């Protein structure tokens, strides 16, 4: 990438509609890419995908649902991403190699080239969400990522310690210390 694109991330959490819109506005977000595979919320119906698809444009913010980038993926047998002890993160790390993911990422980058875009999921802390792995992938490709947690300055993404680029692909290999025990 040419460095002109920066991506942002945000978790809707339990925020009110007003607080969520204020955070987006405060960070100059012009588009939200919903990276939930199943965009619903029983407790917070404002964050259901269909509702957001109408409410965000009414507030001057574009909305794009990208289920291809959604979580809840299963790890492959023999996964090269054994550093993740959490099965959901390991499964998502495996998903980063899929054609489905690549298609969703291309759509995301097209949007981000035109509008200041935030990836949105449910978890407020980005480090407990698959947005972390998307941010890792973008970072190794030279695309800056900023995490919106509150009204303060967004935090620059720091690559996950176990992340490695192996044969041009992002991997999270298992620790090697037990090989010499």
N, C-alpha and C. Protein backbone atom coordinates (compact mmCIF):
# COMPACT_ATOMS: atom_id res chain seq x y z
N UNK A 1 0.85 -1.19 0.00
CA UNK A 1 0.00 0.00 0.00
C UNK A 1 0.88 1.24 0.00
N UNK A 2 0.31 2.34 -0.38
CA UNK A 2 1.09 3.55 -0.49
C UNK A 2 1.20 4.32 0.82
N UNK A 3 0.60 3.82 1.88
CA UNK A 3 0.68 4.47 3.18
C UNK A 3 -0.40 5.52 3.39
N UNK A 4 -1.21 5.81 2.38
CA UNK A 4 -2.25 6.82 2.51
C UNK A 4 -3.43 6.32 3.33
N UNK A 5 -3.60 5.01 3.42
CA UNK A 5 -4.73 4.44 4.13
C UNK A 5 -4.33 4.11 5.57
N UNK A 6 -5.18 4.50 6.50
CA UNK A 6 -5.09 4.06 7.89
C UNK A 6 -6.44 3.46 8.21
N UNK A 7 -6.44 2.35 8.92
CA UNK A 7 -7.71 1.75 9.36
C UNK A 7 -7.84 1.90 10.86
N UNK A 8 -9.06 1.96 11.30
CA UNK A 8 -9.41 2.12 12.70
C UNK A 8 -10.22 0.91 13.12
N UNK A 9 -10.24 0.61 14.41
CA UNK A 9 -11.10 -0.45 14.91
C UNK A 9 -11.89 0.08 16.11
N UNK A 10 -13.07 -0.50 16.30
CA UNK A 10 -13.90 -0.13 17.44
C UNK A 10 -14.78 -1.33 17.80
N UNK A 11 -15.02 -1.51 19.08
CA UNK A 11 -15.97 -2.51 19.55
C UNK A 11 -17.18 -1.80 20.10
N UNK A 12 -18.37 -2.21 19.68
CA UNK A 12 -19.56 -1.48 20.14
C UNK A 12 -19.85 -1.71 21.61
N UNK A 13 -19.54 -2.89 22.14
CA UNK A 13 -19.72 -3.21 23.54
C UNK A 13 -21.15 -2.92 23.98
N UNK A 14 -21.31 -2.28 25.12
CA UNK A 14 -22.64 -1.98 25.66
C UNK A 14 -22.95 -0.49 25.53
N UNK A 15 -22.25 0.18 24.66
CA UNK A 15 -22.43 1.62 24.51
C UNK A 15 -23.85 1.96 24.04
N UNK A 16 -24.28 3.13 24.41
CA UNK A 16 -25.55 3.63 23.88
C UNK A 16 -25.33 4.06 22.43
N UNK A 17 -26.42 4.19 21.73
CA UNK A 17 -26.34 4.67 20.34
C UNK A 17 -25.63 6.02 20.28
N UNK A 18 -26.00 6.91 21.19
CA UNK A 18 -25.43 8.26 21.21
C UNK A 18 -23.93 8.23 21.48
N UNK A 19 -23.51 7.41 22.46
CA UNK A 19 -22.07 7.32 22.78
C UNK A 19 -21.28 6.73 21.62
N UNK A 20 -21.84 5.72 20.97
CA UNK A 20 -21.17 5.10 19.83
C UNK A 20 -20.99 6.10 18.70
N UNK A 21 -22.06 6.81 18.36
CA UNK A 21 -21.98 7.82 17.30
C UNK A 21 -21.01 8.93 17.66
N UNK A 22 -20.99 9.32 18.94
CA UNK A 22 -20.06 10.37 19.37
C UNK A 22 -18.60 9.92 19.22
N UNK A 23 -18.33 8.64 19.53
CA UNK A 23 -16.97 8.12 19.34
C UNK A 23 -16.57 8.13 17.87
N UNK A 24 -17.47 7.68 17.02
CA UNK A 24 -17.18 7.68 15.58
C UNK A 24 -16.92 9.11 15.11
N UNK A 25 -17.79 10.02 15.49
CA UNK A 25 -17.65 11.41 15.09
C UNK A 25 -16.36 12.02 15.64
N UNK A 26 -16.07 11.74 16.90
CA UNK A 26 -14.87 12.29 17.54
C UNK A 26 -13.57 11.84 16.90
N UNK A 27 -13.61 10.70 16.25
CA UNK A 27 -12.42 10.18 15.57
C UNK A 27 -12.50 10.37 14.05
N UNK A 28 -13.51 11.10 13.61
CA UNK A 28 -13.63 11.43 12.19
C UNK A 28 -13.96 10.25 11.30
N UNK A 29 -14.61 9.23 11.86
CA UNK A 29 -14.92 8.02 11.08
C UNK A 29 -16.05 8.32 10.10
N UNK A 30 -15.84 7.93 8.84
CA UNK A 30 -16.81 8.17 7.78
C UNK A 30 -17.51 6.90 7.31
N UNK A 31 -16.94 5.74 7.68
CA UNK A 31 -17.52 4.46 7.26
C UNK A 31 -17.23 3.42 8.33
N UNK A 32 -18.19 2.52 8.54
CA UNK A 32 -18.03 1.40 9.46
C UNK A 32 -18.11 0.11 8.65
N UNK A 33 -17.08 -0.71 8.80
CA UNK A 33 -17.06 -2.05 8.20
C UNK A 33 -17.36 -3.03 9.32
N UNK A 34 -18.55 -3.60 9.29
CA UNK A 34 -19.01 -4.53 10.33
C UNK A 34 -18.38 -5.89 10.06
N UNK A 35 -17.45 -6.31 10.93
CA UNK A 35 -16.74 -7.57 10.73
C UNK A 35 -17.28 -8.68 11.64
N UNK A 36 -18.55 -8.56 12.02
CA UNK A 36 -19.21 -9.64 12.76
C UNK A 36 -19.79 -10.61 11.74
N UNK A 37 -19.55 -11.87 11.95
CA UNK A 37 -20.10 -12.87 11.03
C UNK A 37 -21.61 -12.93 11.15
N UNK A 38 -22.09 -12.76 12.36
CA UNK A 38 -23.53 -12.78 12.65
C UNK A 38 -23.88 -11.46 13.34
N UNK A 39 -24.27 -10.44 12.58
CA UNK A 39 -24.41 -9.09 13.14
C UNK A 39 -25.73 -8.86 13.88
N UNK A 40 -25.80 -9.39 15.07
CA UNK A 40 -27.00 -9.19 15.88
C UNK A 40 -26.63 -8.92 17.32
N UNK A 41 -27.58 -8.38 18.07
CA UNK A 41 -27.40 -8.17 19.50
C UNK A 41 -28.77 -8.14 20.15
N UNK A 42 -29.05 -9.16 20.97
CA UNK A 42 -30.34 -9.20 21.66
C UNK A 42 -30.42 -8.12 22.73
N UNK A 43 -29.32 -7.94 23.45
CA UNK A 43 -29.31 -6.98 24.55
C UNK A 43 -29.22 -5.53 24.07
N UNK A 44 -28.63 -5.35 22.90
CA UNK A 44 -28.43 -3.99 22.37
C UNK A 44 -28.88 -3.95 20.91
N UNK A 45 -30.20 -3.93 20.70
CA UNK A 45 -30.73 -4.05 19.34
C UNK A 45 -30.25 -2.94 18.39
N UNK A 46 -29.78 -1.84 18.94
CA UNK A 46 -29.23 -0.78 18.11
C UNK A 46 -28.06 -1.30 17.28
N UNK A 47 -27.38 -2.32 17.77
CA UNK A 47 -26.20 -2.83 17.07
C UNK A 47 -26.50 -4.01 16.14
N UNK A 48 -27.77 -4.32 15.92
CA UNK A 48 -28.12 -5.33 14.92
C UNK A 48 -27.77 -4.78 13.54
N UNK A 49 -27.27 -5.66 12.68
CA UNK A 49 -26.81 -5.22 11.36
C UNK A 49 -27.84 -4.45 10.56
N UNK A 50 -29.07 -4.95 10.54
CA UNK A 50 -30.11 -4.26 9.78
C UNK A 50 -30.39 -2.87 10.30
N UNK A 51 -30.35 -2.71 11.60
CA UNK A 51 -30.58 -1.40 12.21
C UNK A 51 -29.43 -0.46 11.86
N UNK A 52 -28.19 -0.94 12.00
CA UNK A 52 -27.03 -0.11 11.68
C UNK A 52 -27.01 0.29 10.21
N UNK A 53 -27.44 -0.62 9.34
CA UNK A 53 -27.43 -0.35 7.90
C UNK A 53 -28.30 0.85 7.53
N UNK A 54 -29.26 1.17 8.38
CA UNK A 54 -30.11 2.34 8.15
C UNK A 54 -29.69 3.53 9.01
N UNK A 55 -29.34 3.26 10.27
CA UNK A 55 -29.05 4.35 11.21
C UNK A 55 -27.72 5.06 10.93
N UNK A 56 -26.69 4.30 10.57
CA UNK A 56 -25.40 4.96 10.32
C UNK A 56 -25.46 5.90 9.12
N UNK A 57 -26.01 5.48 7.98
CA UNK A 57 -26.11 6.44 6.86
C UNK A 57 -26.94 7.68 7.23
N UNK A 58 -27.95 7.51 8.08
CA UNK A 58 -28.74 8.67 8.52
C UNK A 58 -27.88 9.65 9.31
N UNK A 59 -26.78 9.14 9.90
CA UNK A 59 -25.85 9.98 10.66
C UNK A 59 -24.66 10.41 9.79
N UNK A 60 -24.72 10.10 8.49
CA UNK A 60 -23.65 10.50 7.58
C UNK A 60 -22.47 9.55 7.55
N UNK A 61 -22.67 8.32 8.01
CA UNK A 61 -21.59 7.32 8.07
C UNK A 61 -21.99 6.13 7.20
N UNK A 62 -21.13 5.75 6.28
CA UNK A 62 -21.39 4.58 5.44
C UNK A 62 -21.32 3.31 6.29
N UNK A 63 -22.07 2.29 5.88
CA UNK A 63 -22.07 1.00 6.58
C UNK A 63 -21.87 -0.11 5.55
N UNK A 64 -20.94 -1.01 5.84
CA UNK A 64 -20.70 -2.17 4.99
C UNK A 64 -20.52 -3.39 5.87
N UNK A 65 -21.36 -4.39 5.67
CA UNK A 65 -21.23 -5.66 6.39
C UNK A 65 -20.29 -6.55 5.60
N UNK A 66 -19.25 -7.04 6.27
CA UNK A 66 -18.26 -7.91 5.65
C UNK A 66 -18.21 -9.25 6.39
N UNK A 67 -19.19 -10.13 6.16
CA UNK A 67 -19.19 -11.42 6.87
C UNK A 67 -17.96 -12.26 6.54
N UNK A 68 -17.31 -11.98 5.41
CA UNK A 68 -16.10 -12.72 5.03
C UNK A 68 -14.98 -12.50 6.05
N UNK A 69 -15.04 -11.38 6.76
CA UNK A 69 -14.03 -11.07 7.77
C UNK A 69 -14.51 -11.41 9.18
N UNK A 70 -15.68 -12.02 9.28
CA UNK A 70 -16.25 -12.35 10.57
C UNK A 70 -15.52 -13.47 11.29
N UNK A 71 -15.69 -13.51 12.59
CA UNK A 71 -15.03 -14.50 13.43
C UNK A 71 -15.78 -15.82 13.47
N UNK A 72 -15.59 -16.53 14.57
CA UNK A 72 -16.20 -17.85 14.79
C UNK A 72 -15.78 -18.85 13.72
N UNK A 73 -14.49 -19.03 13.59
CA UNK A 73 -13.92 -19.97 12.61
C UNK A 73 -13.27 -21.12 13.35
N UNK A 74 -13.20 -22.26 12.70
CA UNK A 74 -12.58 -23.45 13.29
C UNK A 74 -11.15 -23.59 12.81
N UNK A 75 -10.29 -24.04 13.72
CA UNK A 75 -8.89 -24.29 13.36
C UNK A 75 -8.80 -25.49 12.43
N UNK A 76 -7.85 -25.43 11.52
CA UNK A 76 -7.61 -26.56 10.61
C UNK A 76 -6.74 -27.59 11.32
N UNK A 77 -6.90 -28.85 11.00
CA UNK A 77 -5.96 -29.86 11.53
C UNK A 77 -4.55 -29.51 11.06
N UNK A 78 -3.58 -29.62 11.95
CA UNK A 78 -2.20 -29.29 11.60
C UNK A 78 -1.98 -27.80 11.43
N UNK A 79 -2.79 -26.99 12.07
CA UNK A 79 -2.70 -25.53 11.94
C UNK A 79 -1.29 -25.03 12.23
N UNK A 80 -0.80 -24.10 11.41
CA UNK A 80 0.52 -23.51 11.66
C UNK A 80 0.47 -22.39 12.69
N UNK A 81 -0.69 -22.21 13.32
CA UNK A 81 -0.89 -21.08 14.23
C UNK A 81 -1.05 -21.51 15.68
N UNK A 82 -0.19 -22.43 16.10
CA UNK A 82 -0.29 -23.03 17.43
C UNK A 82 0.06 -22.12 18.60
N UNK A 83 0.55 -20.92 18.33
CA UNK A 83 0.83 -19.99 19.43
C UNK A 83 -0.47 -19.58 20.12
N UNK A 84 -1.56 -19.60 19.38
CA UNK A 84 -2.85 -19.25 19.96
C UNK A 84 -3.37 -20.42 20.79
N UNK A 85 -3.53 -20.21 22.06
CA UNK A 85 -4.11 -21.23 22.94
C UNK A 85 -5.64 -21.18 22.86
N UNK A 86 -6.15 -20.04 22.45
CA UNK A 86 -7.58 -19.85 22.28
C UNK A 86 -7.98 -20.42 20.91
N UNK A 87 -8.85 -21.43 20.91
CA UNK A 87 -9.24 -22.10 19.66
C UNK A 87 -9.87 -21.14 18.66
N UNK A 88 -10.64 -20.17 19.15
CA UNK A 88 -11.28 -19.22 18.24
C UNK A 88 -10.24 -18.36 17.52
N UNK A 89 -9.22 -17.92 18.24
CA UNK A 89 -8.16 -17.12 17.61
C UNK A 89 -7.34 -17.97 16.65
N UNK A 90 -7.07 -19.21 17.03
CA UNK A 90 -6.32 -20.10 16.13
C UNK A 90 -7.13 -20.34 14.85
N UNK A 91 -8.41 -20.58 14.99
CA UNK A 91 -9.26 -20.78 13.82
C UNK A 91 -9.30 -19.54 12.94
N UNK A 92 -9.33 -18.38 13.56
CA UNK A 92 -9.35 -17.15 12.77
C UNK A 92 -8.01 -16.93 12.08
N UNK A 93 -6.92 -17.25 12.76
CA UNK A 93 -5.60 -17.13 12.13
C UNK A 93 -5.53 -18.03 10.89
N UNK A 94 -6.11 -19.21 10.96
CA UNK A 94 -6.17 -20.09 9.79
C UNK A 94 -7.03 -19.47 8.68
N UNK A 95 -8.10 -18.81 9.07
CA UNK A 95 -9.01 -18.18 8.11
C UNK A 95 -8.33 -17.07 7.31
N UNK A 96 -7.30 -16.45 7.87
CA UNK A 96 -6.59 -15.37 7.17
C UNK A 96 -6.05 -15.82 5.82
N UNK A 97 -5.84 -17.13 5.64
CA UNK A 97 -5.31 -17.67 4.38
C UNK A 97 -6.38 -17.98 3.35
N UNK A 98 -7.64 -17.83 3.70
CA UNK A 98 -8.72 -18.27 2.82
C UNK A 98 -9.02 -17.26 1.71
N UNK A 99 -9.58 -17.76 0.64
CA UNK A 99 -10.05 -16.90 -0.45
C UNK A 99 -11.17 -16.01 0.04
N UNK A 100 -12.02 -16.57 0.90
CA UNK A 100 -13.13 -15.79 1.46
C UNK A 100 -12.59 -14.56 2.19
N UNK A 101 -11.57 -14.76 3.03
CA UNK A 101 -10.98 -13.64 3.75
C UNK A 101 -10.38 -12.63 2.77
N UNK A 102 -9.64 -13.11 1.79
CA UNK A 102 -9.00 -12.21 0.81
C UNK A 102 -10.04 -11.36 0.09
N UNK A 103 -11.17 -11.95 -0.25
CA UNK A 103 -12.24 -11.20 -0.92
C UNK A 103 -12.78 -10.10 0.00
N UNK A 104 -13.02 -10.44 1.26
CA UNK A 104 -13.51 -9.45 2.22
C UNK A 104 -12.49 -8.35 2.46
N UNK A 105 -11.22 -8.73 2.55
CA UNK A 105 -10.16 -7.74 2.77
C UNK A 105 -10.07 -6.77 1.59
N UNK A 106 -10.22 -7.28 0.39
CA UNK A 106 -10.18 -6.41 -0.80
C UNK A 106 -11.32 -5.39 -0.75
N UNK A 107 -12.50 -5.83 -0.35
CA UNK A 107 -13.64 -4.90 -0.22
C UNK A 107 -13.39 -3.86 0.86
N UNK A 108 -12.80 -4.31 1.98
CA UNK A 108 -12.46 -3.38 3.06
C UNK A 108 -11.48 -2.31 2.57
N UNK A 109 -10.44 -2.73 1.89
CA UNK A 109 -9.42 -1.79 1.44
C UNK A 109 -9.96 -0.83 0.38
N UNK A 110 -10.89 -1.30 -0.45
CA UNK A 110 -11.54 -0.40 -1.41
C UNK A 110 -12.30 0.71 -0.68
N UNK A 111 -13.04 0.32 0.36
CA UNK A 111 -13.78 1.30 1.15
C UNK A 111 -12.83 2.25 1.85
N UNK A 112 -11.79 1.71 2.48
CA UNK A 112 -10.85 2.53 3.24
C UNK A 112 -10.07 3.50 2.36
N UNK A 113 -9.92 3.18 1.09
CA UNK A 113 -9.23 4.09 0.16
C UNK A 113 -10.08 5.33 -0.12
N UNK A 114 -11.39 5.22 0.09
CA UNK A 114 -12.30 6.33 -0.19
C UNK A 114 -12.78 7.07 1.05
N UNK A 115 -12.90 6.33 2.16
CA UNK A 115 -13.51 6.90 3.38
C UNK A 115 -12.69 6.48 4.60
N UNK A 116 -12.63 7.33 5.59
CA UNK A 116 -11.95 7.00 6.85
C UNK A 116 -12.80 5.92 7.53
N UNK A 117 -12.25 4.70 7.62
CA UNK A 117 -13.04 3.51 7.94
C UNK A 117 -12.61 2.87 9.25
N UNK A 118 -13.61 2.45 10.03
CA UNK A 118 -13.38 1.69 11.26
C UNK A 118 -13.97 0.30 11.11
N UNK A 119 -13.18 -0.72 11.47
CA UNK A 119 -13.68 -2.09 11.59
C UNK A 119 -14.46 -2.16 12.89
N UNK A 120 -15.65 -2.73 12.87
CA UNK A 120 -16.44 -2.82 14.08
C UNK A 120 -16.81 -4.26 14.39
N UNK A 121 -16.67 -4.61 15.66
CA UNK A 121 -17.16 -5.88 16.18
C UNK A 121 -17.79 -5.58 17.53
N UNK A 122 -18.13 -6.60 18.28
CA UNK A 122 -18.82 -6.39 19.55
C UNK A 122 -17.87 -6.10 20.71
N UNK A 123 -16.73 -6.79 20.77
CA UNK A 123 -15.80 -6.66 21.91
C UNK A 123 -15.17 -5.28 21.96
N UNK A 124 -15.27 -4.59 23.09
CA UNK A 124 -14.60 -3.29 23.21
C UNK A 124 -13.08 -3.45 23.19
N UNK A 125 -12.49 -4.34 24.01
CA UNK A 125 -11.03 -4.47 23.96
C UNK A 125 -10.58 -5.22 22.70
N UNK A 126 -9.87 -4.54 21.84
CA UNK A 126 -9.45 -5.12 20.56
C UNK A 126 -8.59 -6.37 20.74
N UNK A 127 -7.85 -6.44 21.83
CA UNK A 127 -6.96 -7.59 22.05
C UNK A 127 -7.73 -8.85 22.42
N UNK A 128 -9.03 -8.75 22.67
CA UNK A 128 -9.87 -9.92 22.95
C UNK A 128 -10.82 -10.21 21.79
N UNK A 129 -10.51 -9.69 20.62
CA UNK A 129 -11.39 -9.79 19.46
C UNK A 129 -10.57 -10.16 18.23
N UNK A 130 -11.23 -10.74 17.23
CA UNK A 130 -10.52 -11.08 15.99
C UNK A 130 -10.03 -9.85 15.24
N UNK A 131 -10.49 -8.65 15.64
CA UNK A 131 -9.92 -7.42 15.06
C UNK A 131 -8.41 -7.37 15.29
N UNK A 132 -7.95 -8.01 16.35
CA UNK A 132 -6.52 -8.06 16.64
C UNK A 132 -5.75 -8.73 15.50
N UNK A 133 -6.27 -9.83 14.99
CA UNK A 133 -5.59 -10.56 13.92
C UNK A 133 -5.70 -9.81 12.60
N UNK A 134 -6.84 -9.20 12.35
CA UNK A 134 -6.97 -8.37 11.14
C UNK A 134 -5.96 -7.24 11.21
N UNK A 135 -5.84 -6.61 12.39
CA UNK A 135 -4.88 -5.51 12.56
C UNK A 135 -3.45 -6.00 12.36
N UNK A 136 -3.13 -7.20 12.86
CA UNK A 136 -1.80 -7.76 12.63
C UNK A 136 -1.52 -7.90 11.14
N UNK A 137 -2.48 -8.46 10.41
CA UNK A 137 -2.30 -8.68 8.97
C UNK A 137 -2.11 -7.35 8.24
N UNK A 138 -2.94 -6.38 8.57
CA UNK A 138 -2.81 -5.07 7.94
C UNK A 138 -1.45 -4.45 8.26
N UNK A 139 -1.03 -4.58 9.51
CA UNK A 139 0.26 -4.01 9.94
C UNK A 139 1.44 -4.61 9.18
N UNK A 140 1.45 -5.93 9.02
CA UNK A 140 2.58 -6.54 8.30
C UNK A 140 2.54 -6.17 6.82
N UNK A 141 1.40 -5.70 6.34
CA UNK A 141 1.31 -5.21 4.95
C UNK A 141 1.58 -3.71 4.85
N UNK A 142 1.96 -3.11 5.97
CA UNK A 142 2.33 -1.70 5.96
C UNK A 142 1.18 -0.73 6.10
N UNK A 143 0.03 -1.21 6.54
CA UNK A 143 -1.14 -0.35 6.71
C UNK A 143 -1.31 -0.05 8.19
N UNK A 144 -1.21 1.22 8.58
CA UNK A 144 -1.37 1.57 10.00
C UNK A 144 -2.79 1.28 10.49
N UNK A 145 -2.88 0.85 11.74
CA UNK A 145 -4.17 0.57 12.37
C UNK A 145 -4.19 1.30 13.71
N UNK A 146 -5.33 1.91 14.01
CA UNK A 146 -5.54 2.61 15.28
C UNK A 146 -6.79 2.03 15.94
N UNK A 147 -6.69 1.80 17.25
CA UNK A 147 -7.81 1.23 18.00
C UNK A 147 -8.51 2.32 18.82
N UNK A 148 -9.81 2.45 18.60
CA UNK A 148 -10.63 3.40 19.35
C UNK A 148 -11.20 2.66 20.56
N UNK A 149 -10.83 3.12 21.75
CA UNK A 149 -11.36 2.54 22.98
C UNK A 149 -12.30 3.49 23.70
N UNK A 150 -12.02 4.77 23.57
CA UNK A 150 -12.80 5.79 24.25
C UNK A 150 -12.62 7.11 23.51
N UNK A 151 -13.04 8.20 24.15
CA UNK A 151 -12.97 9.51 23.50
C UNK A 151 -11.54 10.04 23.40
N UNK A 152 -10.60 9.43 24.10
CA UNK A 152 -9.21 9.86 24.01
C UNK A 152 -8.59 9.46 22.68
N UNK A 153 -7.31 9.74 22.53
CA UNK A 153 -6.64 9.38 21.27
C UNK A 153 -6.69 7.87 21.02
N UNK A 154 -6.88 7.52 19.76
CA UNK A 154 -6.85 6.10 19.38
C UNK A 154 -5.43 5.59 19.56
N UNK A 155 -5.31 4.31 19.89
CA UNK A 155 -4.00 3.71 20.15
C UNK A 155 -3.49 2.99 18.91
N UNK A 156 -2.22 3.22 18.61
CA UNK A 156 -1.59 2.56 17.46
C UNK A 156 -1.50 1.06 17.74
N UNK A 157 -1.77 0.27 16.74
CA UNK A 157 -1.68 -1.18 16.88
C UNK A 157 -0.23 -1.61 17.03
N UNK A 158 -0.01 -2.54 17.93
CA UNK A 158 1.30 -3.17 18.11
C UNK A 158 1.14 -4.63 17.73
N UNK A 159 2.00 -5.11 16.85
CA UNK A 159 1.93 -6.48 16.36
C UNK A 159 1.99 -7.48 17.51
N UNK A 160 1.15 -8.50 17.47
CA UNK A 160 1.15 -9.57 18.46
C UNK A 160 2.54 -10.20 18.51
N UNK A 161 3.06 -10.43 19.71
CA UNK A 161 4.44 -10.89 19.90
C UNK A 161 4.75 -12.18 19.15
N UNK A 162 3.80 -13.08 19.04
CA UNK A 162 4.06 -14.37 18.38
C UNK A 162 3.91 -14.31 16.86
N UNK A 163 3.50 -13.18 16.32
CA UNK A 163 3.27 -13.06 14.87
C UNK A 163 4.58 -13.13 14.10
N UNK A 164 4.56 -13.88 13.01
CA UNK A 164 5.71 -14.01 12.12
C UNK A 164 5.20 -14.02 10.69
N UNK A 165 6.02 -13.53 9.77
CA UNK A 165 5.71 -13.68 8.35
C UNK A 165 6.55 -14.84 7.84
N UNK A 166 5.87 -15.89 7.39
CA UNK A 166 6.53 -17.11 6.92
C UNK A 166 6.07 -17.35 5.48
N UNK A 167 7.01 -17.36 4.57
CA UNK A 167 6.69 -17.55 3.14
C UNK A 167 5.61 -16.58 2.67
N UNK A 168 5.70 -15.34 3.15
CA UNK A 168 4.76 -14.31 2.73
C UNK A 168 3.41 -14.35 3.41
N UNK A 169 3.23 -15.24 4.39
CA UNK A 169 1.95 -15.36 5.09
C UNK A 169 2.13 -15.08 6.58
N UNK A 170 1.11 -14.46 7.16
CA UNK A 170 1.13 -14.21 8.59
C UNK A 170 0.89 -15.51 9.33
N UNK A 171 1.76 -15.82 10.27
CA UNK A 171 1.66 -17.05 11.08
C UNK A 171 1.89 -16.71 12.55
N UNK A 172 1.38 -17.59 13.38
CA UNK A 172 1.57 -17.53 14.82
C UNK A 172 2.08 -18.90 15.25
N UNK A 173 3.35 -19.19 14.98
CA UNK A 173 3.87 -20.53 15.27
C UNK A 173 3.94 -20.79 16.77
N UNK A 174 3.83 -22.07 17.14
CA UNK A 174 3.91 -22.41 18.57
C UNK A 174 5.31 -22.12 19.10
N UNK A 175 5.41 -21.87 20.40
CA UNK A 175 6.73 -21.64 21.00
C UNK A 175 7.63 -22.86 20.79
N UNK A 176 8.90 -22.62 20.60
CA UNK A 176 9.84 -23.70 20.33
C UNK A 176 10.63 -24.14 21.56
N UNK A 177 10.44 -23.51 22.72
CA UNK A 177 11.27 -23.82 23.89
C UNK A 177 11.18 -25.27 24.34
N UNK A 178 10.04 -25.92 24.13
CA UNK A 178 9.91 -27.30 24.60
C UNK A 178 10.66 -28.30 23.71
N UNK A 179 11.19 -27.86 22.58
CA UNK A 179 11.94 -28.77 21.71
C UNK A 179 13.26 -29.20 22.34
N UNK A 180 13.79 -28.38 23.22
CA UNK A 180 15.11 -28.64 23.78
C UNK A 180 15.04 -29.05 25.25
N UNK A 181 13.88 -29.37 25.73
CA UNK A 181 13.72 -29.74 27.15
C UNK A 181 14.15 -31.17 27.39
